[in-house]
Amino acid sequence: MTIFTVWPDLIQKSKEEGLDVIDTYVFWNLHEPVQVQCLEDTKERIKNMFNKVELSISSCDTAWVAMIPSPTSPYAPFFPSVLNWLLDNQLFDALLSTLACILALKQWGIGEDKMNRGLQFIESNITSINDEKQHLPIGFDILYPSLIEYAQNLGINLPIGASSSEAMIKKREIELQR
């Protein structure tokens, strides 16, 4: 499954549900280096870029989309093709995206082998969050503890130890108070 099969379905279903805006970030390297341009020309170029569907997939963002329940049944995913993409493509290469993918799979009760591989990845790499040389994504200290709490609510036994998860949750609370 490629981006060409995942995102068009997502966009179509969003339109069917009445969404008329999708917010995205267009990387600056896709723009011409000319500083003064007509606004209409710029709008047209951006519109044409979306017709080409040249977007990259983030497994973390995709996992969040995969967790959205169907409006007709809270027991079924709204975007099953996105969930299938996770099953086919999740690499377990970053703590945040790995845990988000585990949560999406657990929510729908599928991919137990993928969940187990993800949990092994977390267990092997969780100490990296305390390594000062590691550059964590912006917002990690807020997002990851929230995902931990959600995992606990889903009954997932994370291999990080109670004291570590409590320390991360406390760190998040301090960040939120600033």
Protein backbone atom coordinates (compact mmCIF):
# COMPACT_ATOMS: atom_id res chain seq x y z
CA MET A 1 0.00 0.00 0.00
CA THR A 2 1.39 3.42 -0.95
CA ILE A 3 0.54 7.02 -0.25
CA PHE A 4 -1.41 7.00 -3.50
CA THR A 5 -3.90 4.55 -1.99
CA VAL A 6 -4.04 5.82 1.61
CA TRP A 7 -4.44 9.59 1.44
CA PRO A 8 -6.99 9.93 -1.40
CA ASP A 9 -9.38 7.70 0.60
CA LEU A 10 -8.75 9.79 3.71
CA ILE A 11 -9.44 13.02 1.83
CA GLN A 12 -12.58 11.63 0.18
CA LYS A 13 -14.04 10.41 3.47
CA SER A 14 -13.23 13.75 5.06
CA LYS A 15 -15.15 15.52 2.28
CA GLU A 16 -18.10 13.15 2.72
CA GLU A 17 -18.22 14.02 6.42
CA GLY A 18 -18.40 17.72 5.60
CA LEU A 19 -14.79 18.77 6.10
CA ASP A 20 -13.80 21.42 3.60
CA VAL A 21 -10.33 22.30 4.89
CA ILE A 22 -7.23 20.15 5.40
CA ASP A 23 -4.32 21.90 7.07
CA THR A 24 -0.89 20.88 5.88
CA TYR A 25 2.65 22.16 5.78
CA VAL A 26 4.28 22.75 2.42
CA PHE A 27 8.05 22.51 2.70
CA TRP A 28 9.86 25.60 1.51
CA ASN A 29 12.09 23.63 -0.81
CA LEU A 30 9.02 23.03 -2.98
CA HIS A 31 8.68 26.75 -3.70
CA GLU A 32 10.57 28.74 -6.25
CA PRO A 33 13.35 30.85 -4.71
CA VAL A 34 11.88 34.06 -6.18
CA GLN A 35 10.74 36.31 -3.34
CA VAL A 36 8.24 38.55 -5.15
CA GLN A 37 5.46 36.59 -6.80
CA CYS A 38 1.89 37.18 -7.65
CA LEU A 39 -0.38 35.75 -4.95
CA GLU A 40 -2.62 34.08 -7.51
CA ASP A 41 0.35 32.33 -9.15
CA THR A 42 1.44 31.03 -5.76
CA LYS A 43 -2.05 29.74 -4.98
CA GLU A 44 -2.21 27.98 -8.35
CA ARG A 45 1.21 26.32 -7.88
CA ILE A 46 0.22 25.03 -4.43
CA LYS A 47 -3.10 23.76 -5.80
CA ASN A 48 -1.24 21.93 -8.60
CA MET A 49 1.17 20.36 -6.08
CA PHE A 50 -1.77 18.76 -4.28
CA ASN A 51 -3.10 17.35 -7.53
CA LYS A 52 0.20 15.46 -7.84
CA VAL A 53 -0.16 13.96 -4.32
CA GLU A 54 3.53 14.22 -3.46
CA LEU A 55 3.18 13.98 0.33
CA SER A 56 5.28 11.96 2.72
CA ILE A 57 3.68 9.76 5.34
CA SER A 58 4.44 10.12 9.01
CA SER A 59 3.69 6.91 10.88
CA CYS A 60 2.91 8.89 14.04
CA ASP A 61 0.35 11.11 12.29
CA THR A 62 -1.03 8.11 10.42
CA ALA A 63 -1.49 6.24 13.72
CA TRP A 64 -3.54 9.13 15.09
CA VAL A 65 -5.76 9.05 11.99
CA ALA A 66 -6.08 5.26 12.34
CA MET A 67 -7.52 5.70 15.85
CA ILE A 68 -10.53 7.68 14.60
CA PRO A 69 -13.69 5.58 15.02
CA SER A 70 -16.31 5.37 12.32
CA PRO A 71 -19.26 7.72 12.84
CA THR A 72 -21.58 4.76 12.25
CA SER A 73 -19.85 2.42 14.72
CA PRO A 74 -17.42 3.22 17.55
CA TYR A 75 -16.09 -0.35 17.20
CA ALA A 76 -14.77 0.11 13.66
CA PRO A 77 -12.06 2.40 12.29
CA PHE A 78 -13.18 5.29 10.11
CA PHE A 79 -10.14 4.81 7.86
CA PRO A 80 -9.40 1.06 7.64
CA SER A 81 -6.92 1.58 4.80
CA VAL A 82 -4.83 3.78 7.09
CA LEU A 83 -4.82 1.03 9.71
CA ASN A 84 -3.72 -1.43 7.03
CA TRP A 85 -0.90 0.94 6.09
CA LEU A 86 0.35 0.76 9.69
CA LEU A 87 0.29 -3.03 9.60
CA ASP A 88 2.24 -3.08 6.34
CA ASN A 89 4.71 -0.24 6.91
CA GLN A 90 5.43 0.55 10.57
CA LEU A 91 9.20 0.44 11.06
CA PHE A 92 9.52 0.88 14.86
CA ASP A 93 12.23 3.47 14.52
CA ALA A 94 11.15 6.16 17.00
CA LEU A 95 9.56 5.96 20.45
CA LEU A 96 6.70 8.38 19.79
CA SER A 97 5.53 6.87 16.49
CA THR A 98 6.00 3.33 17.78
CA LEU A 99 3.79 3.89 20.81
CA ALA A 100 1.17 5.72 18.73
CA CYS A 101 1.07 2.75 16.31
CA ILE A 102 0.77 0.27 19.18
CA LEU A 103 -2.18 2.24 20.54
CA ALA A 104 -3.94 2.28 17.17
CA LEU A 105 -3.48 -1.47 16.70
CA LYS A 106 -4.61 -2.24 20.25
CA GLN A 107 -7.66 0.00 19.92
CA TRP A 108 -8.92 -2.12 17.03
CA GLY A 109 -7.64 -5.47 18.38
CA ILE A 110 -5.35 -6.33 15.47
CA GLY A 111 -1.66 -6.82 14.77
CA GLU A 112 -0.61 -8.48 18.02
CA ASP A 113 2.75 -9.49 16.54
CA LYS A 114 3.38 -5.89 15.45
CA MET A 115 2.40 -4.65 18.91
CA ASN A 116 4.83 -7.09 20.52
CA ARG A 117 7.65 -5.99 18.20
CA GLY A 118 6.85 -2.38 19.06
CA LEU A 119 6.90 -3.11 22.78
CA GLN A 120 10.30 -4.78 22.37
CA PHE A 121 11.55 -1.68 20.56
CA ILE A 122 10.31 0.55 23.39
CA GLU A 123 11.95 -1.68 26.00
CA SER A 124 15.25 -1.58 24.11
CA ASN A 125 15.21 2.17 23.57
CA ILE A 126 13.36 3.76 26.50
CA THR A 127 16.60 4.74 28.25
CA SER A 128 17.39 7.08 25.34
CA ILE A 129 14.86 9.61 26.68
CA ASN A 130 17.23 10.32 29.58
CA ASP A 131 20.28 10.66 27.32
CA GLU A 132 21.21 14.35 27.07
CA LYS A 133 22.84 13.69 23.67
CA GLN A 134 19.53 12.51 22.20
CA HIS A 135 17.40 15.13 20.48
CA LEU A 136 13.78 14.35 21.23
CA PRO A 137 11.00 15.73 19.02
CA ILE A 138 9.41 19.00 20.09
CA GLY A 139 6.54 18.22 22.44
CA PHE A 140 7.84 14.77 23.33
CA ASP A 141 7.72 15.53 27.08
CA ILE A 142 4.01 16.31 26.76
CA LEU A 143 2.91 13.78 24.14
CA TYR A 144 4.70 10.63 25.30
CA PRO A 145 3.33 10.65 28.88
CA SER A 146 -0.16 11.18 27.45
CA LEU A 147 0.32 8.15 25.22
CA ILE A 148 1.55 6.19 28.24
CA GLU A 149 -1.65 7.04 30.12
CA TYR A 150 -3.75 6.03 27.12
CA ALA A 151 -1.82 2.76 26.87
CA GLN A 152 -2.55 2.08 30.55
CA ASN A 153 -6.25 2.75 29.91
CA LEU A 154 -6.18 0.20 27.07
CA GLY A 155 -4.55 -2.37 29.36
CA ILE A 156 -1.18 -2.35 27.61
CA ASN A 157 1.68 -3.37 29.89
CA LEU A 158 4.46 -1.06 28.79
CA PRO A 159 8.00 -2.29 29.49
CA ILE A 160 9.16 0.96 31.10
CA GLY A 161 8.57 0.51 34.81
CA ALA A 162 6.12 2.37 37.01
CA SER A 163 8.68 4.81 38.39
CA SER A 164 9.81 5.84 34.89
CA SER A 165 6.27 6.42 33.66
CA GLU A 166 5.41 8.38 36.83
CA ALA A 167 8.53 10.51 36.36
CA MET A 168 7.56 11.26 32.75
CA ILE A 169 4.01 12.17 33.77
CA LYS A 170 5.34 14.45 36.51
CA LYS A 171 7.73 16.10 34.03
CA ARG A 172 4.78 16.68 31.69
CA GLU A 173 2.79 18.36 34.45
CA ILE A 174 5.72 20.69 35.17
CA GLU A 175 5.98 21.54 31.46
CA LEU A 176 2.26 22.28 31.27
CA GLN A 177 2.43 24.62 34.28
CA ARG A 178 5.10 26.80 32.64
